[in-house]
Structures are given as structure tokens and as C-alpha cells.
Amino acid sequence: MNWNDRLEMQKEIETLFGREVDLVSKKYLKNPYRRHEILSTHQVVYAIEQP
């Protein structure tokens, strides 16, 4: 998935939910408090299997 695909997917998800969304990889969640909160409350809407 390249950057343009990611931006397109983000826009499509925002349209579906009618609000702004953030697409973030787990490895970029550096703050331990924020990481815990996000990972304990996240909802997977669509997942792709990485090779």
C-alpha cells in the first residue's frame, strides 16, 4: 500500500463515518498512556493481511 492508497482509504472511511479519522500504525504509538488508551478502545473496521 502506497501513500496515495492510504490517503484514499482514509477519505473513504471519513465519508462512511461522516467524521475525521486517523489511520495510525501501532509502531508509531510512542506515548505509553495514549498507546494503552487507543489499543484498549480501538475498533478494527477493515484489516488487510501484510505479507
PDB file of N, CA and C in Angstrom:
ATOM      1  N   MET A   1       0.856  -1.168   0.000  1.00  0.00           N
ATOM      2  CA  MET A   1       0.000   0.000   0.000  1.00  0.00           C
ATOM      3  C   MET A   1       0.901   1.230   0.000  1.00  0.00           C
ATOM      4  N   ASN A   2       0.692   2.099  -0.947  1.00  0.00           N
ATOM      5  CA  ASN A   2       1.494   3.320  -1.014  1.00  0.00           C
ATOM      6  C   ASN A   2       0.747   4.481  -0.344  1.00  0.00           C
ATOM      7  N   TRP A   3       1.409   5.618  -0.292  1.00  0.00           N
ATOM      8  CA  TRP A   3       0.855   6.779   0.404  1.00  0.00           C
ATOM      9  C   TRP A   3      -0.483   7.230  -0.190  1.00  0.00           C
ATOM     10  N   ASN A   4      -0.597   7.240  -1.515  1.00  0.00           N
ATOM     11  CA  ASN A   4      -1.850   7.664  -2.155  1.00  0.00           C
ATOM     12  C   ASN A   4      -2.990   6.716  -1.825  1.00  0.00           C
ATOM     13  N   ASP A   5      -2.714   5.409  -1.789  1.00  0.00           N
ATOM     14  CA  ASP A   5      -3.736   4.429  -1.410  1.00  0.00           C
ATOM     15  C   ASP A   5      -4.219   4.685   0.012  1.00  0.00           C
ATOM     16  N   ARG A   6      -3.278   4.967   0.889  1.00  0.00           N
ATOM     17  CA  ARG A   6      -3.607   5.213   2.296  1.00  0.00           C
ATOM     18  C   ARG A   6      -4.482   6.466   2.439  1.00  0.00           C
ATOM     19  N   LEU A   7      -4.135   7.532   1.723  1.00  0.00           N
ATOM     20  CA  LEU A   7      -4.939   8.757   1.788  1.00  0.00           C
ATOM     21  C   LEU A   7      -6.338   8.530   1.218  1.00  0.00           C
ATOM     22  N   GLU A   8      -6.418   7.787   0.133  1.00  0.00           N
ATOM     23  CA  GLU A   8      -7.720   7.485  -0.468  1.00  0.00           C
ATOM     24  C   GLU A   8      -8.581   6.665   0.493  1.00  0.00           C
ATOM     25  N   MET A   9      -7.965   5.676   1.136  1.00  0.00           N
ATOM     26  CA  MET A   9      -8.697   4.856   2.091  1.00  0.00           C
ATOM     27  C   MET A   9      -9.180   5.711   3.266  1.00  0.00           C
ATOM     28  N   GLN A  10      -8.337   6.617   3.748  1.00  0.00           N
ATOM     29  CA  GLN A  10      -8.732   7.488   4.849  1.00  0.00           C
ATOM     30  C   GLN A  10      -9.926   8.349   4.461  1.00  0.00           C
ATOM     31  N   LYS A  11      -9.905   8.911   3.269  1.00  0.00           N
ATOM     32  CA  LYS A  11     -11.025   9.739   2.804  1.00  0.00           C
ATOM     33  C   LYS A  11     -12.307   8.923   2.683  1.00  0.00           C
ATOM     34  N   GLU A  12     -12.212   7.697   2.195  1.00  0.00           N
ATOM     35  CA  GLU A  12     -13.381   6.831   2.065  1.00  0.00           C
ATOM     36  C   GLU A  12     -13.968   6.506   3.442  1.00  0.00           C
ATOM     37  N   ILE A  13     -13.116   6.225   4.408  1.00  0.00           N
ATOM     38  CA  ILE A  13     -13.588   5.919   5.758  1.00  0.00           C
ATOM     39  C   ILE A  13     -14.234   7.151   6.389  1.00  0.00           C
ATOM     40  N   GLU A  14     -13.636   8.320   6.184  1.00  0.00           N
ATOM     41  CA  GLU A  14     -14.219   9.561   6.706  1.00  0.00           C
ATOM     42  C   GLU A  14     -15.594   9.805   6.109  1.00  0.00           C
ATOM     43  N   THR A  15     -15.756   9.515   4.837  1.00  0.00           N
ATOM     44  CA  THR A  15     -17.056   9.669   4.184  1.00  0.00           C
ATOM     45  C   THR A  15     -18.078   8.703   4.779  1.00  0.00           C
ATOM     46  N   LEU A  16     -17.665   7.466   4.994  1.00  0.00           N
ATOM     47  CA  LEU A  16     -18.568   6.460   5.569  1.00  0.00           C
ATOM     48  C   LEU A  16     -19.036   6.837   6.970  1.00  0.00           C
ATOM     49  N   PHE A  17     -18.135   7.357   7.799  1.00  0.00           N
ATOM     50  CA  PHE A  17     -18.460   7.668   9.186  1.00  0.00           C
ATOM     51  C   PHE A  17     -18.911   9.105   9.393  1.00  0.00           C
ATOM     52  N   GLY A  18     -18.727   9.944   8.376  1.00  0.00           N
ATOM     53  CA  GLY A  18     -19.150  11.332   8.495  1.00  0.00           C
ATOM     54  C   GLY A  18     -18.329  12.129   9.490  1.00  0.00           C
ATOM     55  N   ARG A  19     -17.069  11.741   9.704  1.00  0.00           N
ATOM     56  CA  ARG A  19     -16.182  12.464  10.611  1.00  0.00           C
ATOM     57  C   ARG A  19     -14.738  12.165  10.246  1.00  0.00           C
ATOM     58  N   GLU A  20     -13.829  12.952  10.803  1.00  0.00           N
ATOM     59  CA  GLU A  20     -12.416  12.737  10.540  1.00  0.00           C
ATOM     60  C   GLU A  20     -11.932  11.487  11.269  1.00  0.00           C
ATOM     61  N   VAL A  21     -11.025  10.759  10.638  1.00  0.00           N
ATOM     62  CA  VAL A  21     -10.418   9.582  11.255  1.00  0.00           C
ATOM     63  C   VAL A  21      -8.906   9.670  11.107  1.00  0.00           C
ATOM     64  N   ASP A  22      -8.204   8.952  11.963  1.00  0.00           N
ATOM     65  CA  ASP A  22      -6.752   8.846  11.882  1.00  0.00           C
ATOM     66  C   ASP A  22      -6.402   7.390  11.613  1.00  0.00           C
ATOM     67  N   LEU A  23      -5.569   7.168  10.624  1.00  0.00           N
ATOM     68  CA  LEU A  23      -5.054   5.828  10.357  1.00  0.00           C
ATOM     69  C   LEU A  23      -3.626   5.802  10.866  1.00  0.00           C
ATOM     70  N   VAL A  24      -3.396   5.016  11.898  1.00  0.00           N
ATOM     71  CA  VAL A  24      -2.097   5.003  12.565  1.00  0.00           C
ATOM     72  C   VAL A  24      -1.629   3.562  12.727  1.00  0.00           C
ATOM     73  N   SER A  25      -0.381   3.318  12.399  1.00  0.00           N
ATOM     74  CA  SER A  25       0.221   2.008  12.655  1.00  0.00           C
ATOM     75  C   SER A  25       0.609   1.918  14.127  1.00  0.00           C
ATOM     76  N   LYS A  26       0.474   0.737  14.711  1.00  0.00           N
ATOM     77  CA  LYS A  26       0.798   0.548  16.128  1.00  0.00           C
ATOM     78  C   LYS A  26       2.219   0.991  16.460  1.00  0.00           C
ATOM     79  N   LYS A  27       3.145   0.766  15.546  1.00  0.00           N
ATOM     80  CA  LYS A  27       4.545   1.081  15.845  1.00  0.00           C
ATOM     81  C   LYS A  27       4.792   2.572  16.044  1.00  0.00           C
ATOM     82  N   TYR A  28       3.862   3.427  15.620  1.00  0.00           N
ATOM     83  CA  TYR A  28       4.034   4.865  15.772  1.00  0.00           C
ATOM     84  C   TYR A  28       3.359   5.412  17.025  1.00  0.00           C
ATOM     85  N   LEU A  29       2.752   4.560  17.823  1.00  0.00           N
ATOM     86  CA  LEU A  29       2.134   4.989  19.077  1.00  0.00           C
ATOM     87  C   LEU A  29       3.196   4.954  20.164  1.00  0.00           C
ATOM     88  N   LYS A  30       3.919   6.029  20.331  1.00  0.00           N
ATOM     89  CA  LYS A  30       5.072   6.088  21.235  1.00  0.00           C
ATOM     90  C   LYS A  30       4.703   6.391  22.685  1.00  0.00           C
ATOM     91  N   ASN A  31       3.743   7.275  22.908  1.00  0.00           N
ATOM     92  CA  ASN A  31       3.345   7.640  24.261  1.00  0.00           C
ATOM     93  C   ASN A  31       2.630   6.448  24.901  1.00  0.00           C
ATOM     94  N   PRO A  32       3.165   5.902  26.008  1.00  0.00           N
ATOM     95  CA  PRO A  32       2.587   4.683  26.589  1.00  0.00           C
ATOM     96  C   PRO A  32       1.149   4.858  27.085  1.00  0.00           C
ATOM     97  N   TYR A  33       0.795   6.032  27.581  1.00  0.00           N
ATOM     98  CA  TYR A  33      -0.571   6.263  28.060  1.00  0.00           C
ATOM     99  C   TYR A  33      -1.544   6.336  26.888  1.00  0.00           C
ATOM    100  N   ARG A  34      -1.165   7.084  25.876  1.00  0.00           N
ATOM    101  CA  ARG A  34      -2.010   7.195  24.694  1.00  0.00           C
ATOM    102  C   ARG A  34      -2.118   5.839  23.994  1.00  0.00           C
ATOM    103  N   ARG A  35      -0.977   5.123  23.885  1.00  0.00           N
ATOM    104  CA  ARG A  35      -0.962   3.795  23.253  1.00  0.00           C
ATOM    105  C   ARG A  35      -1.935   2.851  23.962  1.00  0.00           C
ATOM    106  N   HIS A  36      -1.871   2.826  25.291  1.00  0.00           N
ATOM    107  CA  HIS A  36      -2.765   1.947  26.055  1.00  0.00           C
ATOM    108  C   HIS A  36      -4.228   2.298  25.796  1.00  0.00           C
ATOM    109  N   GLU A  37      -4.550   3.579  25.836  1.00  0.00           N
ATOM    110  CA  GLU A  37      -5.932   4.015  25.635  1.00  0.00           C
ATOM    111  C   GLU A  37      -6.426   3.661  24.233  1.00  0.00           C
ATOM    112  N   ILE A  38      -5.611   3.933  23.238  1.00  0.00           N
ATOM    113  CA  ILE A  38      -6.012   3.647  21.852  1.00  0.00           C
ATOM    114  C   ILE A  38      -6.170   2.144  21.637  1.00  0.00           C
ATOM    115  N   LEU A  39      -5.191   1.360  22.085  1.00  0.00           N
ATOM    116  CA  LEU A  39      -5.249  -0.080  21.845  1.00  0.00           C
ATOM    117  C   LEU A  39      -6.331  -0.777  22.671  1.00  0.00           C
ATOM    118  N   SER A  40      -6.719  -0.193  23.788  1.00  0.00           N
ATOM    119  CA  SER A  40      -7.772  -0.826  24.587  1.00  0.00           C
ATOM    120  C   SER A  40      -9.172  -0.427  24.133  1.00  0.00           C
ATOM    121  N   THR A  41      -9.285   0.612  23.289  1.00  0.00           N
ATOM    122  CA  THR A  41     -10.608   1.061  22.837  1.00  0.00           C
ATOM    123  C   THR A  41     -10.783   1.031  21.323  1.00  0.00           C
ATOM    124  N   HIS A  42      -9.757   0.618  20.586  1.00  0.00           N
ATOM    125  CA  HIS A  42      -9.836   0.663  19.122  1.00  0.00           C
ATOM    126  C   HIS A  42     -10.862  -0.321  18.575  1.00  0.00           C
ATOM    127  N   GLN A  43     -11.337  -0.029  17.391  1.00  0.00           N
ATOM    128  CA  GLN A  43     -12.243  -0.918  16.675  1.00  0.00           C
ATOM    129  C   GLN A  43     -11.679  -1.108  15.276  1.00  0.00           C
ATOM    130  N   VAL A  44     -11.430  -2.355  14.911  1.00  0.00           N
ATOM    131  CA  VAL A  44     -10.953  -2.641  13.565  1.00  0.00           C
ATOM    132  C   VAL A  44     -12.157  -2.622  12.631  1.00  0.00           C
ATOM    133  N   VAL A  45     -12.107  -1.761  11.639  1.00  0.00           N
ATOM    134  CA  VAL A  45     -13.189  -1.646  10.678  1.00  0.00           C
ATOM    135  C   VAL A  45     -12.853  -2.455   9.447  1.00  0.00           C
ATOM    136  N   TYR A  46     -11.590  -2.444   9.055  1.00  0.00           N
ATOM    137  CA  TYR A  46     -11.143  -3.154   7.876  1.00  0.00           C
ATOM    138  C   TYR A  46      -9.697  -3.499   8.089  1.00  0.00           C
ATOM    139  N   ALA A  47      -9.337  -4.725   7.873  1.00  0.00           N
ATOM    140  CA  ALA A  47      -7.952  -5.129   8.070  1.00  0.00           C
ATOM    141  C   ALA A  47      -7.451  -5.862   6.830  1.00  0.00           C
ATOM    142  N   ILE A  48      -6.200  -5.617   6.481  1.00  0.00           N
ATOM    143  CA  ILE A  48      -5.575  -6.342   5.382  1.00  0.00           C
ATOM    144  C   ILE A  48      -4.416  -7.142   5.952  1.00  0.00           C
ATOM    145  N   GLU A  49      -4.171  -8.259   5.356  1.00  0.00           N
ATOM    146  CA  GLU A  49      -3.082  -9.105   5.818  1.00  0.00           C
ATOM    147  C   GLU A  49      -1.805  -8.660   5.118  1.00  0.00           C
ATOM    148  N   GLN A  50      -0.780  -8.383   5.914  1.00  0.00           N
ATOM    149  CA  GLN A  50       0.506  -7.973   5.371  1.00  0.00           C
ATOM    150  C   GLN A  50       1.309  -9.216   5.006  1.00  0.00           C
ATOM    151  N   PRO A  51       2.057  -9.171   3.905  1.00  0.00           N
ATOM    152  CA  PRO A  51       2.873 -10.343   3.518  1.00  0.00           C
ATOM    153  C   PRO A  51       3.995 -10.615   4.494  1.00  0.00           C
TER     154      PRO A  51
END
